[in-house]
Amino acid sequence: MVSQKITINNPSGLHLRPAGNLCNEAIKYQSLITFTYEGGTANAKSVLSVLGACVKCGDEIELVCKGADEEEAMKAMVKAISSGLGE
């Protein structure tokens, strides 16, 4: 298991489009990919779960990857979030 904290820098947070982009990136990996925010846990492979977390710009989440390709998944997820998830 690997985990890392990262700040969401999208101007409007994780609304539908960036949430979809986050999920599309997460689905590429076998590992379980989740994130915690304000005490709750969201499945990064589920758009509804990501949207339900109500993450806004400037909020810090903790990504957690667990599985065979966890290191690779973490690098890709951090890169995707840092680059703005297509926005």
C-alpha atoms as a PDB file:
ATOM      1  CA  MET A   1       0.000   0.000   0.000  1.00  0.00           C
ATOM      2  CA  VAL A   2       1.242   3.492  -0.883  1.00  0.00           C
ATOM      3  CA  SER A   3      -0.344   6.811   0.027  1.00  0.00           C
ATOM      4  CA  GLN A   4       0.330  10.440  -0.750  1.00  0.00           C
ATOM      5  CA  LYS A   5      -1.354  13.743   0.028  1.00  0.00           C
ATOM      6  CA  ILE A   6      -2.050  16.070  -2.880  1.00  0.00           C
ATOM      7  CA  THR A   7      -3.900  19.358  -3.293  1.00  0.00           C
ATOM      8  CA  ILE A   8      -6.618  19.686  -5.934  1.00  0.00           C
ATOM      9  CA  ASN A   9      -5.768  22.651  -8.163  1.00  0.00           C
ATOM     10  CA  ASN A  10      -8.731  22.609 -10.557  1.00  0.00           C
ATOM     11  CA  PRO A  11     -10.549  25.975 -10.398  1.00  0.00           C
ATOM     12  CA  SER A  12     -13.913  24.279  -9.835  1.00  0.00           C
ATOM     13  CA  GLY A  13     -12.701  21.210  -7.914  1.00  0.00           C
ATOM     14  CA  LEU A  14     -13.670  17.677  -8.855  1.00  0.00           C
ATOM     15  CA  HIS A  15     -16.864  18.377 -10.782  1.00  0.00           C
ATOM     16  CA  LEU A  16     -18.122  16.002 -13.492  1.00  0.00           C
ATOM     17  CA  ARG A  17     -15.475  16.387 -16.219  1.00  0.00           C
ATOM     18  CA  PRO A  18     -12.350  16.182 -14.021  1.00  0.00           C
ATOM     19  CA  ALA A  19     -13.985  13.456 -11.914  1.00  0.00           C
ATOM     20  CA  GLY A  20     -14.527  11.457 -15.117  1.00  0.00           C
ATOM     21  CA  ASN A  21     -10.918  12.033 -16.157  1.00  0.00           C
ATOM     22  CA  LEU A  22      -9.718  10.903 -12.718  1.00  0.00           C
ATOM     23  CA  CYS A  23     -11.806   7.729 -12.977  1.00  0.00           C
ATOM     24  CA  ASN A  24     -10.612   7.007 -16.524  1.00  0.00           C
ATOM     25  CA  GLU A  25      -7.004   7.184 -15.284  1.00  0.00           C
ATOM     26  CA  ALA A  26      -7.714   5.010 -12.218  1.00  0.00           C
ATOM     27  CA  ILE A  27      -9.477   2.317 -14.268  1.00  0.00           C
ATOM     28  CA  LYS A  28      -6.235   1.619 -16.156  1.00  0.00           C
ATOM     29  CA  TYR A  29      -4.743  -0.045 -13.060  1.00  0.00           C
ATOM     30  CA  GLN A  30      -5.511  -3.278 -11.200  1.00  0.00           C
ATOM     31  CA  SER A  31      -4.846  -1.706  -7.805  1.00  0.00           C
ATOM     32  CA  LEU A  32      -7.595  -0.485  -5.535  1.00  0.00           C
ATOM     33  CA  ILE A  33      -7.366   3.317  -5.754  1.00  0.00           C
ATOM     34  CA  THR A  34      -9.165   5.394  -3.162  1.00  0.00           C
ATOM     35  CA  PHE A  35      -8.805   8.804  -1.564  1.00  0.00           C
ATOM     36  CA  THR A  36      -9.791  10.186   1.788  1.00  0.00           C
ATOM     37  CA  TYR A  37     -11.213  13.652   2.279  1.00  0.00           C
ATOM     38  CA  GLU A  38     -12.749  15.100   5.442  1.00  0.00           C
ATOM     39  CA  GLY A  39     -12.955  11.687   7.089  1.00  0.00           C
ATOM     40  CA  GLY A  40     -14.699  10.001   4.158  1.00  0.00           C
ATOM     41  CA  THR A  41     -13.270   7.571   1.622  1.00  0.00           C
ATOM     42  CA  ALA A  42     -14.055   7.661  -2.101  1.00  0.00           C
ATOM     43  CA  ASN A  43     -13.377   5.034  -4.760  1.00  0.00           C
ATOM     44  CA  ALA A  44     -11.354   6.771  -7.499  1.00  0.00           C
ATOM     45  CA  LYS A  45     -12.751   4.318 -10.076  1.00  0.00           C
ATOM     46  CA  SER A  46     -16.346   5.467  -9.467  1.00  0.00           C
ATOM     47  CA  VAL A  47     -17.503   8.831 -10.843  1.00  0.00           C
ATOM     48  CA  LEU A  48     -20.403   8.954  -8.379  1.00  0.00           C
ATOM     49  CA  SER A  49     -18.082   8.247  -5.462  1.00  0.00           C
ATOM     50  CA  VAL A  50     -15.655  10.985  -6.573  1.00  0.00           C
ATOM     51  CA  LEU A  51     -18.475  13.501  -7.090  1.00  0.00           C
ATOM     52  CA  GLY A  52     -19.983  12.557  -3.718  1.00  0.00           C
ATOM     53  CA  ALA A  53     -16.774  13.589  -1.940  1.00  0.00           C
ATOM     54  CA  CYS A  54     -17.480  17.249  -2.908  1.00  0.00           C
ATOM     55  CA  VAL A  55     -13.789  18.138  -3.284  1.00  0.00           C
ATOM     56  CA  LYS A  56     -13.195  21.804  -4.106  1.00  0.00           C
ATOM     57  CA  CYS A  57     -10.213  23.773  -5.395  1.00  0.00           C
ATOM     58  CA  GLY A  58      -7.457  23.979  -2.797  1.00  0.00           C
ATOM     59  CA  ASP A  59      -8.674  20.946  -0.847  1.00  0.00           C
ATOM     60  CA  GLU A  60      -6.103  18.322   0.125  1.00  0.00           C
ATOM     61  CA  ILE A  61      -6.897  14.651  -0.416  1.00  0.00           C
ATOM     62  CA  GLU A  62      -4.881  11.578   0.506  1.00  0.00           C
ATOM     63  CA  LEU A  63      -4.570   9.113  -2.366  1.00  0.00           C
ATOM     64  CA  VAL A  64      -4.177   5.436  -1.441  1.00  0.00           C
ATOM     65  CA  CYS A  65      -3.190   2.716  -3.919  1.00  0.00           C
ATOM     66  CA  LYS A  66      -3.209  -0.955  -2.920  1.00  0.00           C
ATOM     67  CA  GLY A  67      -2.307  -3.801  -5.258  1.00  0.00           C
ATOM     68  CA  ALA A  68       0.125  -5.289  -7.745  1.00  0.00           C
ATOM     69  CA  ASP A  69       0.748  -2.069  -9.689  1.00  0.00           C
ATOM     70  CA  GLU A  70       0.330   0.388  -6.792  1.00  0.00           C
ATOM     71  CA  GLU A  71       3.560   2.343  -7.385  1.00  0.00           C
ATOM     72  CA  GLU A  72       2.818   2.860 -11.078  1.00  0.00           C
ATOM     73  CA  ALA A  73      -0.803   3.762 -10.300  1.00  0.00           C
ATOM     74  CA  MET A  74       0.235   6.332  -7.686  1.00  0.00           C
ATOM     75  CA  LYS A  75       2.658   8.050 -10.080  1.00  0.00           C
ATOM     76  CA  ALA A  76      -0.003   8.239 -12.802  1.00  0.00           C
ATOM     77  CA  MET A  77      -2.708   9.532 -10.455  1.00  0.00           C
ATOM     78  CA  VAL A  78      -0.449  12.223  -8.962  1.00  0.00           C
ATOM     79  CA  LYS A  79       0.609  13.295 -12.458  1.00  0.00           C
ATOM     80  CA  ALA A  80      -3.022  13.468 -13.649  1.00  0.00           C
ATOM     81  CA  ILE A  81      -4.156  15.509 -10.637  1.00  0.00           C
ATOM     82  CA  SER A  82      -1.132  17.820 -10.780  1.00  0.00           C
ATOM     83  CA  SER A  83      -1.746  18.516 -14.473  1.00  0.00           C
ATOM     84  CA  GLY A  84      -5.322  19.647 -13.744  1.00  0.00           C
ATOM     85  CA  LEU A  85      -7.271  16.593 -14.967  1.00  0.00           C
ATOM     86  CA  GLY A  86      -7.817  18.044 -18.421  1.00  0.00           C
ATOM     87  CA  GLU A  87      -8.810  21.564 -17.376  1.00  0.00           C
END
